[in-house]
Amino acid sequence: GGSLRLSCGASGSIFSLNTMGWYRQAPGKERELVASHTSTGS
């Protein structure tokens, strides 16, 4: 029931069009998409 906030900062050769987000993986399970955010706002 609690809350947590993750952050992720990118640096280097970054172009205008990109996607950032998170996948997660629990023991014994496949990696799954959590959330994604494109540079155009989707």
Full PDB file with SEQRES, HELIX, SHEET, SSBOND, CRYST1, ORIGX, SCALE, CONECT and MASTER records, all heavy atoms in Angstrom:
SEQRES   1 A   42  GLY GLY SER LEU ARG LEU SER CYS GLY ALA SER GLY SER          
SEQRES   2 A   42  ILE PHE SER LEU ASN THR MET GLY TRP TYR ARG GLN ALA          
SEQRES   3 A   42  PRO GLY LYS GLU ARG GLU LEU VAL ALA SER HIS THR SER          
SEQRES   4 A   42  THR GLY SER                                                  
SHEET    1 AA1 2 THR A  19  ARG A  24  0                                        
SHEET    2 AA1 2 GLU A  32  THR A  38 -1                                        
CRYST1    1.000    1.000    1.000  90.00  90.00  90.00 P 1           1          
ORIGX1      1.000000  0.000000  0.000000        0.00000                         
ORIGX2      0.000000  1.000000  0.000000        0.00000                         
ORIGX3      0.000000  0.000000  1.000000        0.00000                         
SCALE1      1.000000  0.000000  0.000000        0.00000                         
SCALE2      0.000000  1.000000  0.000000        0.00000                         
SCALE3      0.000000  0.000000  1.000000        0.00000                         
ATOM      1  N   GLY A   1       0.790  -1.216   0.000  1.00  0.00           N  
ATOM      2  CA  GLY A   1       0.000   0.000   0.000  1.00  0.00           C  
ATOM      3  C   GLY A   1       0.822   1.266   0.000  1.00  0.00           C  
ATOM      4  O   GLY A   1       0.263   2.360  -0.182  1.00  0.00           O  
ATOM      5  N   GLY A   2       2.114   1.143   0.191  1.00  0.00           N  
ATOM      6  CA  GLY A   2       2.988   2.296   0.224  1.00  0.00           C  
ATOM      7  C   GLY A   2       3.376   2.779  -1.153  1.00  0.00           C  
ATOM      8  O   GLY A   2       2.923   2.261  -2.174  1.00  0.00           O  
ATOM      9  N   SER A   3       4.259   3.782  -1.165  1.00  0.00           N  
ATOM     10  CA  SER A   3       4.682   4.414  -2.401  1.00  0.00           C  
ATOM     11  C   SER A   3       6.198   4.504  -2.465  1.00  0.00           C  
ATOM     12  O   SER A   3       6.885   4.519  -1.439  1.00  0.00           O  
ATOM     13  CB  SER A   3       4.096   5.825  -2.530  1.00  0.00           C  
ATOM     14  OG  SER A   3       2.680   5.799  -2.575  1.00  0.00           O  
ATOM     15  N   LEU A   4       6.691   4.586  -3.681  1.00  0.00           N  
ATOM     16  CA  LEU A   4       8.112   4.706  -3.923  1.00  0.00           C  
ATOM     17  C   LEU A   4       8.290   5.419  -5.256  1.00  0.00           C  
ATOM     18  O   LEU A   4       7.445   5.270  -6.155  1.00  0.00           O  
ATOM     19  CB  LEU A   4       8.757   3.323  -3.964  1.00  0.00           C  
ATOM     20  CG  LEU A   4      10.211   3.146  -3.510  1.00  0.00           C  
ATOM     21  CD1 LEU A   4      10.385   3.599  -2.066  1.00  0.00           C  
ATOM     22  CD2 LEU A   4      10.616   1.688  -3.652  1.00  0.00           C  
ATOM     23  N   ARG A   5       9.363   6.175  -5.393  1.00  0.00           N  
ATOM     24  CA  ARG A   5       9.646   6.846  -6.654  1.00  0.00           C  
ATOM     25  C   ARG A   5      11.042   6.487  -7.140  1.00  0.00           C  
ATOM     26  O   ARG A   5      12.023   6.670  -6.420  1.00  0.00           O  
ATOM     27  CB  ARG A   5       9.528   8.368  -6.528  1.00  0.00           C  
ATOM     28  CG  ARG A   5       9.558   9.071  -7.894  1.00  0.00           C  
ATOM     29  CD  ARG A   5       9.369  10.567  -7.800  1.00  0.00           C  
ATOM     30  NE  ARG A   5      10.574  11.246  -7.345  1.00  0.00           N  
ATOM     31  CZ  ARG A   5      10.872  12.510  -7.617  1.00  0.00           C  
ATOM     32  NH1 ARG A   5      10.032  13.242  -8.346  1.00  0.00           N  
ATOM     33  NH2 ARG A   5      11.986  13.050  -7.142  1.00  0.00           N  
ATOM     34  N   LEU A   6      11.112   5.997  -8.360  1.00  0.00           N  
ATOM     35  CA  LEU A   6      12.370   5.685  -9.007  1.00  0.00           C  
ATOM     36  C   LEU A   6      12.759   6.817  -9.946  1.00  0.00           C  
ATOM     37  O   LEU A   6      11.900   7.490 -10.511  1.00  0.00           O  
ATOM     38  CB  LEU A   6      12.282   4.381  -9.794  1.00  0.00           C  
ATOM     39  CG  LEU A   6      11.776   3.135  -9.071  1.00  0.00           C  
ATOM     40  CD1 LEU A   6      11.840   1.932 -10.008  1.00  0.00           C  
ATOM     41  CD2 LEU A   6      12.573   2.880  -7.806  1.00  0.00           C  
ATOM     42  N   SER A   7      14.047   7.004 -10.123  1.00  0.00           N  
ATOM     43  CA  SER A   7      14.537   7.975 -11.085  1.00  0.00           C  
ATOM     44  C   SER A   7      15.617   7.337 -11.936  1.00  0.00           C  
ATOM     45  O   SER A   7      16.317   6.422 -11.500  1.00  0.00           O  
ATOM     46  CB  SER A   7      15.076   9.230 -10.394  1.00  0.00           C  
ATOM     47  OG  SER A   7      16.213   8.928  -9.605  1.00  0.00           O  
ATOM     48  N   CYS A   8      15.746   7.839 -13.152  1.00  0.00           N  
ATOM     49  CA  CYS A   8      16.761   7.341 -14.076  1.00  0.00           C  
ATOM     50  C   CYS A   8      17.218   8.495 -14.951  1.00  0.00           C  
ATOM     51  O   CYS A   8      16.412   9.079 -15.680  1.00  0.00           O  
ATOM     52  CB  CYS A   8      16.209   6.203 -14.935  1.00  0.00           C  
ATOM     53  SG  CYS A   8      17.400   5.553 -16.135  1.00  0.00           S  
ATOM     54  N   GLY A   9      18.495   8.804 -14.873  1.00  0.00           N  
ATOM     55  CA  GLY A   9      19.074   9.880 -15.664  1.00  0.00           C  
ATOM     56  C   GLY A   9      19.971   9.341 -16.752  1.00  0.00           C  
ATOM     57  O   GLY A   9      20.771   8.432 -16.513  1.00  0.00           O  
ATOM     58  N   ALA A  10      19.851   9.912 -17.940  1.00  0.00           N  
ATOM     59  CA  ALA A  10      20.647   9.506 -19.090  1.00  0.00           C  
ATOM     60  C   ALA A  10      21.634  10.604 -19.460  1.00  0.00           C  
ATOM     61  O   ALA A  10      21.329  11.798 -19.368  1.00  0.00           O  
ATOM     62  CB  ALA A  10      19.755   9.189 -20.286  1.00  0.00           C  
ATOM     63  N   SER A  11      22.809  10.197 -19.899  1.00  0.00           N  
ATOM     64  CA  SER A  11      23.811  11.132 -20.370  1.00  0.00           C  
ATOM     65  C   SER A  11      24.582  10.500 -21.514  1.00  0.00           C  
ATOM     66  O   SER A  11      24.609   9.282 -21.658  1.00  0.00           O  
ATOM     67  CB  SER A  11      24.766  11.545 -19.244  1.00  0.00           C  
ATOM     68  OG  SER A  11      25.475  10.425 -18.744  1.00  0.00           O  
ATOM     69  N   GLY A  12      25.214  11.341 -22.326  1.00  0.00           N  
ATOM     70  CA  GLY A  12      25.990  10.857 -23.447  1.00  0.00           C  
ATOM     71  C   GLY A  12      25.426  11.304 -24.780  1.00  0.00           C  
ATOM     72  O   GLY A  12      24.923  12.415 -24.909  1.00  0.00           O  
ATOM     73  N   SER A  13      25.501  10.433 -25.765  1.00  0.00           N  
ATOM     74  CA  SER A  13      25.084  10.746 -27.132  1.00  0.00           C  
ATOM     75  C   SER A  13      23.594  10.505 -27.296  1.00  0.00           C  
ATOM     76  O   SER A  13      23.166   9.480 -27.837  1.00  0.00           O  
ATOM     77  CB  SER A  13      25.885   9.918 -28.133  1.00  0.00           C  
ATOM     78  OG  SER A  13      27.277  10.176 -28.027  1.00  0.00           O  
ATOM     79  N   ILE A  14      22.818  11.469 -26.844  1.00  0.00           N  
ATOM     80  CA  ILE A  14      21.366  11.360 -26.846  1.00  0.00           C  
ATOM     81  C   ILE A  14      20.796  12.130 -28.028  1.00  0.00           C  
ATOM     82  O   ILE A  14      21.083  13.312 -28.200  1.00  0.00           O  
ATOM     83  CB  ILE A  14      20.777  11.884 -25.532  1.00  0.00           C  
ATOM     84  CG1 ILE A  14      21.315  11.067 -24.350  1.00  0.00           C  
ATOM     85  CG2 ILE A  14      19.255  11.840 -25.579  1.00  0.00           C  
ATOM     86  CD1 ILE A  14      20.937  11.631 -23.008  1.00  0.00           C  
ATOM     87  N   PHE A  15      19.986  11.460 -28.828  1.00  0.00           N  
ATOM     88  CA  PHE A  15      19.315  12.082 -29.959  1.00  0.00           C  
ATOM     89  C   PHE A  15      17.894  12.475 -29.579  1.00  0.00           C  
ATOM     90  O   PHE A  15      17.386  12.082 -28.523  1.00  0.00           O  
ATOM     91  CB  PHE A  15      19.319  11.135 -31.164  1.00  0.00           C  
ATOM     92  CG  PHE A  15      20.694  10.798 -31.651  1.00  0.00           C  
ATOM     93  CD1 PHE A  15      21.286   9.591 -31.313  1.00  0.00           C  
ATOM     94  CD2 PHE A  15      21.402  11.688 -32.433  1.00  0.00           C  
ATOM     95  CE1 PHE A  15      22.554   9.275 -31.753  1.00  0.00           C  
ATOM     96  CE2 PHE A  15      22.675  11.383 -32.877  1.00  0.00           C  
ATOM     97  CZ  PHE A  15      23.253  10.179 -32.537  1.00  0.00           C  
ATOM     98  N   SER A  16      17.263  13.246 -30.446  1.00  0.00           N  
ATOM     99  CA  SER A  16      15.977  13.846 -30.114  1.00  0.00           C  
ATOM    100  C   SER A  16      14.879  12.805 -29.894  1.00  0.00           C  
ATOM    101  O   SER A  16      14.048  12.966 -28.998  1.00  0.00           O  
ATOM    102  CB  SER A  16      15.551  14.816 -31.208  1.00  0.00           C  
ATOM    103  OG  SER A  16      16.458  15.892 -31.328  1.00  0.00           O  
ATOM    104  N   LEU A  17      14.855  11.770 -30.712  1.00  0.00           N  
ATOM    105  CA  LEU A  17      13.808  10.766 -30.639  1.00  0.00           C  
ATOM    106  C   LEU A  17      14.316   9.557 -29.859  1.00  0.00           C  
ATOM    107  O   LEU A  17      15.253   8.874 -30.281  1.00  0.00           O  
ATOM    108  CB  LEU A  17      13.359  10.345 -32.040  1.00  0.00           C  
ATOM    109  CG  LEU A  17      12.761  11.449 -32.907  1.00  0.00           C  
ATOM    110  CD1 LEU A  17      12.390  10.905 -34.275  1.00  0.00           C  
ATOM    111  CD2 LEU A  17      11.538  12.059 -32.232  1.00  0.00           C  
ATOM    112  N   ASN A  18      13.694   9.305 -28.733  1.00  0.00           N  
ATOM    113  CA  ASN A  18      14.131   8.196 -27.902  1.00  0.00           C  
ATOM    114  C   ASN A  18      12.996   7.760 -26.991  1.00  0.00           C  
ATOM    115  O   ASN A  18      11.971   8.433 -26.876  1.00  0.00           O  
ATOM    116  CB  ASN A  18      15.373   8.555 -27.078  1.00  0.00           C  
ATOM    117  CG  ASN A  18      15.148   9.752 -26.180  1.00  0.00           C  
ATOM    118  OD1 ASN A  18      14.434   9.650 -25.179  1.00  0.00           O  
ATOM    119  ND2 ASN A  18      15.753  10.885 -26.538  1.00  0.00           N  
ATOM    120  N   THR A  19      13.208   6.634 -26.350  1.00  0.00           N  
ATOM    121  CA  THR A  19      12.259   6.100 -25.387  1.00  0.00           C  
ATOM    122  C   THR A  19      13.008   5.709 -24.130  1.00  0.00           C  
ATOM    123  O   THR A  19      14.083   5.095 -24.202  1.00  0.00           O  
ATOM    124  CB  THR A  19      11.514   4.876 -25.948  1.00  0.00           C  
ATOM    125  OG1 THR A  19      10.795   5.252 -27.126  1.00  0.00           O  
ATOM    126  CG2 THR A  19      10.537   4.315 -24.924  1.00  0.00           C  
ATOM    127  N   MET A  20      12.459   6.056 -22.999  1.00  0.00           N  
ATOM    128  CA  MET A  20      13.012   5.657 -21.716  1.00  0.00           C  
ATOM    129  C   MET A  20      11.916   5.026 -20.874  1.00  0.00           C  
ATOM    130  O   MET A  20      10.734   5.338 -21.037  1.00  0.00           O  
ATOM    131  CB  MET A  20      13.608   6.850 -20.964  1.00  0.00           C  
ATOM    132  CG  MET A  20      14.778   7.519 -21.663  1.00  0.00           C  
ATOM    133  SD  MET A  20      15.515   8.855 -20.679  1.00  0.00           S  
ATOM    134  CE  MET A  20      16.231   7.918 -19.315  1.00  0.00           C  
ATOM    135  N   GLY A  21      12.311   4.156 -19.982  1.00  0.00           N  
ATOM    136  CA  GLY A  21      11.341   3.536 -19.107  1.00  0.00           C  
ATOM    137  C   GLY A  21      11.980   2.478 -18.239  1.00  0.00           C  
ATOM    138  O   GLY A  21      13.201   2.475 -18.023  1.00  0.00           O  
ATOM    139  N   TRP A  22      11.132   1.591 -17.731  1.00  0.00           N  
ATOM    140  CA  TRP A  22      11.589   0.514 -16.853  1.00  0.00           C  
ATOM    141  C   TRP A  22      10.996  -0.822 -17.246  1.00  0.00           C  
ATOM    142  O   TRP A  22       9.822  -0.910 -17.620  1.00  0.00           O  
ATOM    143  CB  TRP A  22      11.184   0.789 -15.394  1.00  0.00           C  
ATOM    144  CG  TRP A  22      12.078   1.700 -14.646  1.00  0.00           C  
ATOM    145  CD1 TRP A  22      13.147   1.367 -13.883  1.00  0.00           C  
ATOM    146  CD2 TRP A  22      11.952   3.126 -14.567  1.00  0.00           C  
ATOM    147  NE1 TRP A  22      13.706   2.491 -13.339  1.00  0.00           N  
ATOM    148  CE2 TRP A  22      12.996   3.587 -13.741  1.00  0.00           C  
ATOM    149  CE3 TRP A  22      11.072   4.048 -15.117  1.00  0.00           C  
ATOM    150  CZ2 TRP A  22      13.178   4.930 -13.446  1.00  0.00           C  
ATOM    151  CZ3 TRP A  22      11.244   5.387 -14.828  1.00  0.00           C  
ATOM    152  CH2 TRP A  22      12.286   5.817 -14.012  1.00  0.00           C  
ATOM    153  N   TYR A  23      11.811  -1.838 -17.170  1.00  0.00           N  
ATOM    154  CA  TYR A  23      11.386  -3.207 -17.088  1.00  0.00           C  
ATOM    155  C   TYR A  23      11.689  -3.708 -15.676  1.00  0.00           C  
ATOM    156  O   TYR A  23      12.506  -3.127 -14.967  1.00  0.00           O  
ATOM    157  CB  TYR A  23      12.112  -4.092 -18.102  1.00  0.00           C  
ATOM    158  CG  TYR A  23      11.591  -3.996 -19.514  1.00  0.00           C  
ATOM    159  CD1 TYR A  23      11.857  -2.890 -20.313  1.00  0.00           C  
ATOM    160  CD2 TYR A  23      10.836  -5.032 -20.063  1.00  0.00           C  
ATOM    161  CE1 TYR A  23      11.381  -2.810 -21.605  1.00  0.00           C  
ATOM    162  CE2 TYR A  23      10.364  -4.960 -21.354  1.00  0.00           C  
ATOM    163  CZ  TYR A  23      10.636  -3.848 -22.119  1.00  0.00           C  
ATOM    164  OH  TYR A  23      10.166  -3.779 -23.412  1.00  0.00           O  
ATOM    165  N   ARG A  24      11.031  -4.776 -15.292  1.00  0.00           N  
ATOM    166  CA  ARG A  24      11.332  -5.385 -14.006  1.00  0.00           C  
ATOM    167  C   ARG A  24      11.411  -6.892 -14.160  1.00  0.00           C  
ATOM    168  O   ARG A  24      10.829  -7.478 -15.068  1.00  0.00           O  
ATOM    169  CB  ARG A  24      10.284  -5.018 -12.946  1.00  0.00           C  
ATOM    170  CG  ARG A  24       8.907  -5.632 -13.168  1.00  0.00           C  
ATOM    171  CD  ARG A  24       7.912  -5.123 -12.143  1.00  0.00           C  
ATOM    172  NE  ARG A  24       6.606  -5.747 -12.281  1.00  0.00           N  
ATOM    173  CZ  ARG A  24       5.526  -5.382 -11.600  1.00  0.00           C  
ATOM    174  NH1 ARG A  24       5.598  -4.388 -10.718  1.00  0.00           N  
ATOM    175  NH2 ARG A  24       4.373  -6.014 -11.791  1.00  0.00           N  
ATOM    176  N   GLN A  25      12.139  -7.499 -13.244  1.00  0.00           N  
ATOM    177  CA  GLN A  25      12.286  -8.945 -13.266  1.00  0.00           C  
ATOM    178  C   GLN A  25      12.329  -9.474 -11.842  1.00  0.00           C  
ATOM    179  O   GLN A  25      13.154  -9.051 -11.041  1.00  0.00           O  
ATOM    180  CB  GLN A  25      13.549  -9.361 -14.017  1.00  0.00           C  
ATOM    181  CG  GLN A  25      13.652 -10.861 -14.255  1.00  0.00           C  
ATOM    182  CD  GLN A  25      14.675 -11.211 -15.315  1.00  0.00           C  
ATOM    183  OE1 GLN A  25      15.636 -10.476 -15.533  1.00  0.00           O  
ATOM    184  NE2 GLN A  25      14.466 -12.332 -15.993  1.00  0.00           N  
ATOM    185  N   ALA A  26      11.426 -10.386 -11.554  1.00  0.00           N  
ATOM    186  CA  ALA A  26      11.379 -11.069 -10.278  1.00  0.00           C  
ATOM    187  C   ALA A  26      11.977 -12.462 -10.439  1.00  0.00           C  
ATOM    188  O   ALA A  26      11.982 -13.021 -11.541  1.00  0.00           O  
ATOM    189  CB  ALA A  26       9.944 -11.160  -9.768  1.00  0.00           C  
ATOM    190  N   PRO A  27      12.476 -13.041  -9.351  1.00  0.00           N  
ATOM    191  CA  PRO A  27      13.056 -14.385  -9.436  1.00  0.00           C  
ATOM    192  C   PRO A  27      12.079 -15.387 -10.034  1.00  0.00           C  
ATOM    193  O   PRO A  27      10.922 -15.469  -9.619  1.00  0.00           O  
ATOM    194  CB  PRO A  27      13.384 -14.720  -7.982  1.00  0.00           C  
ATOM    195  CG  PRO A  27      13.591 -13.395  -7.328  1.00  0.00           C  
ATOM    196  CD  PRO A  27      12.602 -12.482  -7.992  1.00  0.00           C  
ATOM    197  N   GLY A  28      12.546 -16.148 -11.015  1.00  0.00           N  
ATOM    198  CA  GLY A  28      11.732 -17.159 -11.641  1.00  0.00           C  
ATOM    199  C   GLY A  28      10.726 -16.650 -12.648  1.00  0.00           C  
ATOM    200  O   GLY A  28       9.946 -17.450 -13.181  1.00  0.00           O  
ATOM    201  N   LYS A  29      10.716 -15.359 -12.915  1.00  0.00           N  
ATOM    202  CA  LYS A  29       9.771 -14.788 -13.854  1.00  0.00           C  
ATOM    203  C   LYS A  29      10.502 -14.086 -14.992  1.00  0.00           C  
ATOM    204  O   LYS A  29      11.660 -13.696 -14.858  1.00  0.00           O  
ATOM    205  CB  LYS A  29       8.831 -13.800 -13.159  1.00  0.00           C  
ATOM    206  CG  LYS A  29       7.935 -14.427 -12.098  1.00  0.00           C  
ATOM    207  CD  LYS A  29       6.984 -13.409 -11.514  1.00  0.00           C  
ATOM    208  CE  LYS A  29       6.050 -14.029 -10.496  1.00  0.00           C  
ATOM    209  NZ  LYS A  29       5.107 -13.023  -9.929  1.00  0.00           N  
ATOM    210  N   GLU A  30       9.802 -13.927 -16.100  1.00  0.00           N  
ATOM    211  CA  GLU A  30      10.368 -13.222 -17.232  1.00  0.00           C  
ATOM    212  C   GLU A  30      10.370 -11.722 -16.982  1.00  0.00           C  
ATOM    213  O   GLU A  30       9.558 -11.190 -16.220  1.00  0.00           O  
ATOM    214  CB  GLU A  30       9.577 -13.528 -18.503  1.00  0.00           C  
ATOM    215  CG  GLU A  30       9.652 -14.966 -18.970  1.00  0.00           C  
ATOM    216  CD  GLU A  30       8.927 -15.181 -20.277  1.00  0.00           C  
ATOM    217  OE1 GLU A  30       8.221 -14.260 -20.726  1.00  0.00           O  
ATOM    218  OE2 GLU A  30       9.073 -16.269 -20.861  1.00  0.00           O  
ATOM    219  N   ARG A  31      11.291 -11.057 -17.635  1.00  0.00           N  
ATOM    220  CA  ARG A  31      11.323  -9.608 -17.577  1.00  0.00           C  
ATOM    221  C   ARG A  31      10.068  -9.046 -18.236  1.00  0.00           C  
ATOM    222  O   ARG A  31       9.657  -9.502 -19.306  1.00  0.00           O  
ATOM    223  CB  ARG A  31      12.583  -9.088 -18.270  1.00  0.00           C  
ATOM    224  CG  ARG A  31      12.777  -7.589 -18.181  1.00  0.00           C  
ATOM    225  CD  ARG A  31      14.066  -7.167 -18.872  1.00  0.00           C  
ATOM    226  NE  ARG A  31      15.232  -7.783 -18.249  1.00  0.00           N  
ATOM    227  CZ  ARG A  31      16.472  -7.586 -18.678  1.00  0.00           C  
ATOM    228  NH1 ARG A  31      16.713  -6.798 -19.719  1.00  0.00           N  
ATOM    229  NH2 ARG A  31      17.477  -8.191 -18.063  1.00  0.00           N  
ATOM    230  N   GLU A  32       9.447  -8.064 -17.600  1.00  0.00           N  
ATOM    231  CA  GLU A  32       8.223  -7.488 -18.124  1.00  0.00           C  
ATOM    232  C   GLU A  32       8.300  -5.970 -18.144  1.00  0.00           C  
ATOM    233  O   GLU A  32       8.957  -5.347 -17.305  1.00  0.00           O  
ATOM    234  CB  GLU A  32       7.005  -7.931 -17.299  1.00  0.00           C  
ATOM    235  CG  GLU A  32       7.011  -7.441 -15.867  1.00  0.00           C  
ATOM    236  CD  GLU A  32       5.728  -7.758 -15.125  1.00  0.00           C  
ATOM    237  OE1 GLU A  32       4.701  -8.032 -15.778  1.00  0.00           O  
ATOM    238  OE2 GLU A  32       5.742  -7.738 -13.878  1.00  0.00           O  
ATOM    239  N   LEU A  33       7.602  -5.398 -19.101  1.00  0.00           N  
ATOM    240  CA  LEU A  33       7.538  -3.944 -19.201  1.00  0.00           C  
ATOM    241  C   LEU A  33       6.748  -3.378 -18.031  1.00  0.00           C  
ATOM    242  O   LEU A  33       5.656  -3.847 -17.718  1.00  0.00           O  
ATOM    243  CB  LEU A  33       6.887  -3.528 -20.515  1.00  0.00           C  
ATOM    244  CG  LEU A  33       6.622  -2.024 -20.670  1.00  0.00           C  
ATOM    245  CD1 LEU A  33       7.935  -1.268 -20.844  1.00  0.00           C  
ATOM    246  CD2 LEU A  33       5.692  -1.750 -21.845  1.00  0.00           C  
ATOM    247  N   VAL A  34       7.294  -2.351 -17.410  1.00  0.00           N  
ATOM    248  CA  VAL A  34       6.596  -1.619 -16.364  1.00  0.00           C  
ATOM    249  C   VAL A  34       5.975  -0.358 -16.940  1.00  0.00           C  
ATOM    250  O   VAL A  34       4.771  -0.136 -16.825  1.00  0.00           O  
ATOM    251  CB  VAL A  34       7.533  -1.267 -15.197  1.00  0.00           C  
ATOM    252  CG1 VAL A  34       6.782  -0.477 -14.131  1.00  0.00           C  
ATOM    253  CG2 VAL A  34       8.142  -2.536 -14.605  1.00  0.00           C  
ATOM    254  N   ALA A  35       6.803   0.481 -17.544  1.00  0.00           N  
ATOM    255  CA  ALA A  35       6.324   1.731 -18.109  1.00  0.00           C  
ATOM    256  C   ALA A  35       7.341   2.246 -19.111  1.00  0.00           C  
ATOM    257  O   ALA A  35       8.533   1.969 -18.993  1.00  0.00           O  
ATOM    258  CB  ALA A  35       6.087   2.780 -17.013  1.00  0.00           C  
ATOM    259  N   SER A  36       6.868   3.013 -20.079  1.00  0.00           N  
ATOM    260  CA  SER A  36       7.735   3.633 -21.060  1.00  0.00           C  
ATOM    261  C   SER A  36       7.273   5.052 -21.336  1.00  0.00           C  
ATOM    262  O   SER A  36       6.089   5.377 -21.176  1.00  0.00           O  
ATOM    263  CB  SER A  36       7.779   2.825 -22.366  1.00  0.00           C  
ATOM    264  OG  SER A  36       6.513   2.823 -23.003  1.00  0.00           O  
ATOM    265  N   HIS A  37       8.213   5.880 -21.753  1.00  0.00           N  
ATOM    266  CA  HIS A  37       7.932   7.280 -22.040  1.00  0.00           C  
ATOM    267  C   HIS A  37       8.772   7.691 -23.237  1.00  0.00           C  
ATOM    268  O   HIS A  37       9.996   7.648 -23.185  1.00  0.00           O  
ATOM    269  CB  HIS A  37       8.262   8.151 -20.822  1.00  0.00           C  
ATOM    270  CG  HIS A  37       7.751   9.555 -20.918  1.00  0.00           C  
ATOM    271  ND1 HIS A  37       8.250  10.468 -21.822  1.00  0.00           N  
ATOM    272  CD2 HIS A  37       6.784  10.209 -20.215  1.00  0.00           C  
ATOM    273  CE1 HIS A  37       7.614  11.615 -21.678  1.00  0.00           C  
ATOM    274  NE2 HIS A  37       6.723  11.485 -20.713  1.00  0.00           N  
ATOM    275  N   THR A  38       8.106   8.086 -24.321  1.00  0.00           N  
ATOM    276  CA  THR A  38       8.821   8.532 -25.503  1.00  0.00           C  
ATOM    277  C   THR A  38       9.135  10.012 -25.392  1.00  0.00           C  
ATOM    278  O   THR A  38       8.527  10.752 -24.612  1.00  0.00           O  
ATOM    279  CB  THR A  38       8.021   8.286 -26.782  1.00  0.00           C  
ATOM    280  OG1 THR A  38       6.927   9.214 -26.849  1.00  0.00           O  
ATOM    281  CG2 THR A  38       7.482   6.868 -26.837  1.00  0.00           C  
ATOM    282  N   SER A  39      10.086  10.460 -26.201  1.00  0.00           N  
ATOM    283  CA  SER A  39      10.471  11.869 -26.195  1.00  0.00           C  
ATOM    284  C   SER A  39       9.382  12.764 -26.750  1.00  0.00           C  
ATOM    285  O   SER A  39       9.441  13.984 -26.556  1.00  0.00           O  
ATOM    286  CB  SER A  39      11.769  12.069 -26.982  1.00  0.00           C  
ATOM    287  OG  SER A  39      11.659  11.550 -28.295  1.00  0.00           O  
ATOM    288  N   THR A  40       8.393  12.193 -27.431  1.00  0.00           N  
ATOM    289  CA  THR A  40       7.261  12.960 -27.915  1.00  0.00           C  
ATOM    290  C   THR A  40       6.110  12.992 -26.916  1.00  0.00           C  
ATOM    291  O   THR A  40       5.074  13.598 -27.190  1.00  0.00           O  
ATOM    292  CB  THR A  40       6.752  12.413 -29.251  1.00  0.00           C  
ATOM    293  OG1 THR A  40       6.428  11.029 -29.119  1.00  0.00           O  
ATOM    294  CG2 THR A  40       7.819  12.574 -30.329  1.00  0.00           C  
ATOM    295  N   GLY A  41       6.271  12.326 -25.785  1.00  0.00           N  
ATOM    296  CA  GLY A  41       5.298  12.416 -24.720  1.00  0.00           C  
ATOM    297  C   GLY A  41       4.355  11.247 -24.576  1.00  0.00           C  
ATOM    298  O   GLY A  41       3.494  11.268 -23.673  1.00  0.00           O  
ATOM    299  N   SER A  42       4.478  10.235 -25.408  1.00  0.00           N  
ATOM    300  CA  SER A  42       3.609   9.072 -25.291  1.00  0.00           C  
ATOM    301  C   SER A  42       4.063   8.175 -24.153  1.00  0.00           C  
ATOM    302  O   SER A  42       5.259   8.003 -23.930  1.00  0.00           O  
ATOM    303  CB  SER A  42       3.589   8.284 -26.597  1.00  0.00           C  
ATOM    304  OG  SER A  42       3.069   9.065 -27.658  1.00  0.00           O  
TER     305      SER A  42                                                      
MASTER        0    0    0    0    2    0    0    6  304    1    0    4          
END                                                                             
